[in-house]
Amino acid sequence: AVVSTQSTGECVGEDPCRDGLAETPARAAKSILFLTKGYEENVELVVKNARFDEDYNEMVTVKDIEFYSLCEHHLIPFYGKIHIGYIPTGKVLGLSKLA
């Protein structure tokens, strides 16, 4: 990650050794890890204590959930808001696990 970030800076005419860029490779690596952390998460572990037996069969919705991700083709971050809706069949999921 360090070499790649330094090379990118050099490609656009920057000096990767100047004070303002000295820690940029570490910041870039930390950012990439944050933006791709979902790939490492296990859904079963995330929702394990948030499934409840419930005799409810109408739409459950959560709106305006902020998300952050990374375009895998261009390595450019993107973000937005999503909405989730589902109709439960005997179990509901704690809404905090969806957000």
N, C-alpha and C. Protein backbone atom coordinates (compact mmCIF):
# COMPACT_ATOMS: atom_id res chain seq x y z
N ALA A 1 0.82 -1.19 0.00
CA ALA A 1 0.00 0.00 0.00
C ALA A 1 0.86 1.25 0.00
N VAL A 2 1.97 1.21 0.70
CA VAL A 2 2.84 2.39 0.78
C VAL A 2 3.40 2.73 -0.59
N VAL A 3 3.95 1.74 -1.30
CA VAL A 3 4.53 1.99 -2.61
C VAL A 3 3.47 2.49 -3.58
N SER A 4 2.31 1.89 -3.57
CA SER A 4 1.23 2.29 -4.47
C SER A 4 0.81 3.73 -4.22
N THR A 5 0.64 4.12 -2.98
CA THR A 5 0.23 5.48 -2.67
C THR A 5 1.31 6.48 -3.04
N GLN A 6 2.55 6.14 -2.79
CA GLN A 6 3.65 7.02 -3.17
C GLN A 6 3.72 7.16 -4.68
N SER A 7 3.57 6.05 -5.41
CA SER A 7 3.61 6.09 -6.87
C SER A 7 2.48 6.94 -7.43
N THR A 8 1.30 6.83 -6.85
CA THR A 8 0.16 7.62 -7.30
C THR A 8 0.47 9.10 -7.12
N GLY A 9 1.00 9.46 -5.99
CA GLY A 9 1.37 10.86 -5.75
C GLY A 9 2.39 11.36 -6.76
N GLU A 10 3.37 10.54 -7.02
CA GLU A 10 4.39 10.92 -8.00
C GLU A 10 3.80 11.08 -9.40
N CYS A 11 2.83 10.24 -9.75
CA CYS A 11 2.19 10.32 -11.07
C CYS A 11 1.47 11.64 -11.28
N VAL A 12 1.00 12.26 -10.20
CA VAL A 12 0.30 13.53 -10.34
C VAL A 12 1.20 14.71 -9.95
N GLY A 13 2.52 14.46 -9.89
CA GLY A 13 3.48 15.53 -9.68
C GLY A 13 3.77 15.89 -8.24
N GLU A 14 3.39 15.05 -7.31
CA GLU A 14 3.64 15.33 -5.90
C GLU A 14 4.97 14.72 -5.46
N ASP A 15 5.53 15.31 -4.44
CA ASP A 15 6.73 14.76 -3.79
C ASP A 15 6.25 13.97 -2.58
N PRO A 16 6.31 12.63 -2.64
CA PRO A 16 5.79 11.82 -1.54
C PRO A 16 6.56 12.00 -0.23
N CYS A 17 7.69 12.67 -0.27
CA CYS A 17 8.49 12.87 0.94
C CYS A 17 8.20 14.19 1.63
N ARG A 18 7.41 15.05 1.02
CA ARG A 18 7.16 16.35 1.67
C ARG A 18 6.31 16.15 2.93
N ASP A 19 6.43 17.11 3.85
CA ASP A 19 5.79 16.99 5.16
C ASP A 19 4.31 16.65 5.09
N GLY A 20 3.55 17.28 4.24
CA GLY A 20 2.12 17.07 4.19
C GLY A 20 1.71 15.68 3.70
N LEU A 21 2.63 14.99 3.06
CA LEU A 21 2.31 13.66 2.51
C LEU A 21 3.02 12.51 3.23
N ALA A 22 3.82 12.82 4.20
CA ALA A 22 4.63 11.79 4.86
C ALA A 22 3.78 10.66 5.43
N GLU A 23 2.63 10.96 6.01
CA GLU A 23 1.79 9.94 6.63
C GLU A 23 0.64 9.49 5.72
N THR A 24 0.61 10.02 4.50
CA THR A 24 -0.50 9.69 3.59
C THR A 24 -0.60 8.19 3.29
N PRO A 25 0.47 7.46 3.04
CA PRO A 25 0.32 6.02 2.80
C PRO A 25 -0.37 5.29 3.94
N ALA A 26 -0.03 5.62 5.17
CA ALA A 26 -0.67 4.97 6.33
C ALA A 26 -2.15 5.36 6.42
N ARG A 27 -2.45 6.64 6.18
CA ARG A 27 -3.85 7.09 6.20
C ARG A 27 -4.65 6.40 5.09
N ALA A 28 -4.06 6.28 3.91
CA ALA A 28 -4.75 5.64 2.78
C ALA A 28 -5.02 4.16 3.10
N ALA A 29 -4.05 3.48 3.67
CA ALA A 29 -4.23 2.07 4.02
C ALA A 29 -5.34 1.91 5.07
N LYS A 30 -5.35 2.78 6.06
CA LYS A 30 -6.38 2.74 7.10
C LYS A 30 -7.76 2.99 6.49
N SER A 31 -7.83 3.91 5.56
CA SER A 31 -9.10 4.23 4.89
C SER A 31 -9.61 3.04 4.08
N ILE A 32 -8.72 2.39 3.34
CA ILE A 32 -9.12 1.23 2.53
C ILE A 32 -9.62 0.10 3.44
N LEU A 33 -8.95 -0.11 4.56
CA LEU A 33 -9.39 -1.15 5.50
C LEU A 33 -10.78 -0.84 6.05
N PHE A 34 -11.03 0.43 6.36
CA PHE A 34 -12.36 0.81 6.87
C PHE A 34 -13.43 0.61 5.80
N LEU A 35 -13.14 1.06 4.59
CA LEU A 35 -14.14 1.00 3.51
C LEU A 35 -14.42 -0.42 3.03
N THR A 36 -13.55 -1.36 3.34
CA THR A 36 -13.76 -2.74 2.90
C THR A 36 -13.97 -3.70 4.07
N LYS A 37 -14.17 -3.19 5.27
CA LYS A 37 -14.28 -4.06 6.45
C LYS A 37 -15.46 -5.01 6.39
N GLY A 38 -16.48 -4.67 5.63
CA GLY A 38 -17.65 -5.53 5.52
C GLY A 38 -17.34 -6.88 4.89
N TYR A 39 -16.31 -6.93 4.06
CA TYR A 39 -15.94 -8.20 3.44
C TYR A 39 -15.49 -9.23 4.47
N GLU A 40 -15.01 -8.76 5.61
CA GLU A 40 -14.49 -9.64 6.65
C GLU A 40 -15.52 -9.99 7.71
N GLU A 41 -16.68 -9.32 7.70
CA GLU A 41 -17.67 -9.55 8.74
C GLU A 41 -18.50 -10.79 8.45
N ASN A 42 -18.85 -11.48 9.51
CA ASN A 42 -19.66 -12.69 9.43
C ASN A 42 -21.08 -12.32 9.82
N VAL A 43 -22.02 -12.44 8.89
CA VAL A 43 -23.41 -12.05 9.14
C VAL A 43 -23.98 -12.78 10.35
N GLU A 44 -23.72 -14.05 10.48
CA GLU A 44 -24.24 -14.81 11.62
C GLU A 44 -23.77 -14.22 12.95
N LEU A 45 -22.52 -13.81 13.02
CA LEU A 45 -22.01 -13.22 14.26
C LEU A 45 -22.60 -11.84 14.52
N VAL A 46 -22.83 -11.08 13.46
CA VAL A 46 -23.38 -9.73 13.61
C VAL A 46 -24.80 -9.77 14.15
N VAL A 47 -25.62 -10.70 13.67
CA VAL A 47 -27.04 -10.72 14.04
C VAL A 47 -27.39 -11.77 15.10
N LYS A 48 -26.43 -12.47 15.65
CA LYS A 48 -26.70 -13.62 16.51
C LYS A 48 -27.66 -13.34 17.67
N ASN A 49 -27.54 -12.22 18.34
CA ASN A 49 -28.40 -11.93 19.48
C ASN A 49 -29.53 -10.98 19.15
N ALA A 50 -29.79 -10.81 17.87
CA ALA A 50 -30.80 -9.81 17.48
C ALA A 50 -31.96 -10.42 16.70
N ARG A 51 -32.09 -11.75 16.72
CA ARG A 51 -33.22 -12.42 16.08
C ARG A 51 -34.22 -12.82 17.15
N PHE A 52 -35.47 -12.44 16.91
CA PHE A 52 -36.50 -12.69 17.92
C PHE A 52 -37.69 -13.39 17.30
N ASP A 53 -38.24 -14.37 18.02
CA ASP A 53 -39.48 -15.00 17.59
C ASP A 53 -40.60 -13.98 17.74
N GLU A 54 -41.36 -13.80 16.68
CA GLU A 54 -42.43 -12.81 16.71
C GLU A 54 -43.49 -13.19 15.69
N ASP A 55 -44.73 -13.20 16.13
CA ASP A 55 -45.83 -13.49 15.22
C ASP A 55 -46.26 -12.19 14.57
N TYR A 56 -45.47 -11.74 13.62
CA TYR A 56 -45.71 -10.47 12.94
C TYR A 56 -45.50 -10.71 11.46
N ASN A 57 -46.42 -10.25 10.63
CA ASN A 57 -46.30 -10.55 9.20
C ASN A 57 -46.53 -9.33 8.32
N GLU A 58 -46.25 -8.13 8.87
CA GLU A 58 -46.36 -6.93 8.06
C GLU A 58 -44.96 -6.37 7.80
N MET A 59 -44.87 -5.51 6.81
CA MET A 59 -43.58 -4.95 6.40
C MET A 59 -42.86 -4.27 7.56
N VAL A 60 -41.59 -4.58 7.71
CA VAL A 60 -40.71 -3.91 8.65
C VAL A 60 -39.74 -3.09 7.80
N THR A 61 -39.60 -1.81 8.10
CA THR A 61 -38.71 -0.97 7.30
C THR A 61 -37.76 -0.16 8.18
N VAL A 62 -36.62 0.10 7.64
CA VAL A 62 -35.65 1.02 8.23
C VAL A 62 -35.22 1.93 7.10
N LYS A 63 -35.31 3.24 7.34
CA LYS A 63 -35.01 4.21 6.28
C LYS A 63 -33.79 5.05 6.64
N ASP A 64 -33.19 5.59 5.60
CA ASP A 64 -32.09 6.55 5.74
C ASP A 64 -30.88 6.00 6.50
N ILE A 65 -30.49 4.78 6.18
CA ILE A 65 -29.29 4.18 6.77
C ILE A 65 -28.09 4.67 5.96
N GLU A 66 -27.17 5.35 6.60
CA GLU A 66 -25.99 5.82 5.89
C GLU A 66 -25.06 4.64 5.62
N PHE A 67 -24.45 4.65 4.44
CA PHE A 67 -23.46 3.62 4.13
C PHE A 67 -22.26 4.25 3.45
N TYR A 68 -21.14 3.58 3.58
CA TYR A 68 -19.88 3.99 2.97
C TYR A 68 -19.27 2.75 2.35
N SER A 69 -18.76 2.86 1.15
CA SER A 69 -18.15 1.71 0.51
C SER A 69 -17.05 2.16 -0.43
N LEU A 70 -16.55 1.23 -1.20
CA LEU A 70 -15.42 1.50 -2.09
C LEU A 70 -15.68 0.82 -3.42
N CYS A 71 -15.57 1.57 -4.50
CA CYS A 71 -15.70 0.99 -5.83
C CYS A 71 -14.49 0.09 -6.07
N GLU A 72 -14.76 -1.19 -6.28
CA GLU A 72 -13.65 -2.14 -6.43
C GLU A 72 -12.90 -1.98 -7.75
N HIS A 73 -13.51 -1.32 -8.71
CA HIS A 73 -12.84 -1.13 -10.01
C HIS A 73 -11.97 0.11 -10.05
N HIS A 74 -12.36 1.16 -9.32
CA HIS A 74 -11.64 2.43 -9.38
C HIS A 74 -11.00 2.82 -8.05
N LEU A 75 -11.30 2.06 -6.99
CA LEU A 75 -10.80 2.35 -5.64
C LEU A 75 -11.18 3.76 -5.20
N ILE A 76 -12.41 4.16 -5.57
CA ILE A 76 -12.93 5.46 -5.17
C ILE A 76 -14.07 5.23 -4.18
N PRO A 77 -14.02 5.93 -3.05
CA PRO A 77 -15.10 5.75 -2.07
C PRO A 77 -16.41 6.37 -2.58
N PHE A 78 -17.50 5.76 -2.16
CA PHE A 78 -18.81 6.35 -2.41
C PHE A 78 -19.68 6.11 -1.19
N TYR A 79 -20.73 6.89 -1.09
CA TYR A 79 -21.57 6.82 0.10
C TYR A 79 -22.99 7.23 -0.27
N GLY A 80 -23.88 6.98 0.64
CA GLY A 80 -25.26 7.36 0.40
C GLY A 80 -26.14 6.88 1.53
N LYS A 81 -27.44 6.81 1.23
CA LYS A 81 -28.41 6.31 2.20
C LYS A 81 -29.20 5.20 1.53
N ILE A 82 -29.52 4.18 2.31
CA ILE A 82 -30.32 3.07 1.80
C ILE A 82 -31.54 2.88 2.69
N HIS A 83 -32.50 2.17 2.16
CA HIS A 83 -33.70 1.80 2.90
C HIS A 83 -33.83 0.28 2.80
N ILE A 84 -34.23 -0.36 3.88
CA ILE A 84 -34.41 -1.80 3.89
C ILE A 84 -35.84 -2.10 4.32
N GLY A 85 -36.46 -3.04 3.66
CA GLY A 85 -37.78 -3.49 4.05
C GLY A 85 -37.88 -5.00 3.90
N TYR A 86 -38.56 -5.65 4.82
CA TYR A 86 -38.78 -7.09 4.70
C TYR A 86 -40.07 -7.47 5.41
N ILE A 87 -40.59 -8.59 5.03
CA ILE A 87 -41.78 -9.14 5.69
C ILE A 87 -41.33 -10.36 6.47
N PRO A 88 -41.40 -10.30 7.80
CA PRO A 88 -40.91 -11.40 8.62
C PRO A 88 -41.80 -12.64 8.52
N THR A 89 -41.18 -13.78 8.71
CA THR A 89 -41.91 -15.05 8.72
C THR A 89 -41.58 -15.79 10.01
N GLY A 90 -42.10 -15.28 11.12
CA GLY A 90 -41.88 -15.94 12.40
C GLY A 90 -40.75 -15.38 13.22
N LYS A 91 -39.83 -14.64 12.60
CA LYS A 91 -38.73 -14.03 13.32
C LYS A 91 -38.55 -12.61 12.81
N VAL A 92 -38.14 -11.73 13.70
CA VAL A 92 -37.78 -10.38 13.30
C VAL A 92 -36.33 -10.14 13.70
N LEU A 93 -35.73 -9.20 13.04
CA LEU A 93 -34.34 -8.84 13.29
C LEU A 93 -34.32 -7.49 13.98
N GLY A 94 -33.55 -7.37 15.05
CA GLY A 94 -33.41 -6.07 15.73
C GLY A 94 -32.94 -5.02 14.74
N LEU A 95 -33.64 -3.92 14.68
CA LEU A 95 -33.39 -2.91 13.65
C LEU A 95 -32.00 -2.31 13.72
N SER A 96 -31.38 -2.27 14.89
CA SER A 96 -30.03 -1.70 14.98
C SER A 96 -29.04 -2.55 14.18
N LYS A 97 -29.34 -3.81 13.95
CA LYS A 97 -28.44 -4.67 13.18
C LYS A 97 -28.52 -4.37 11.68
N LEU A 98 -29.58 -3.70 11.27
CA LEU A 98 -29.71 -3.33 9.86
C LEU A 98 -29.05 -2.00 9.57
N ALA A 99 -28.87 -1.20 10.59
CA ALA A 99 -28.31 0.15 10.39
C ALA A 99 -26.83 0.17 10.66
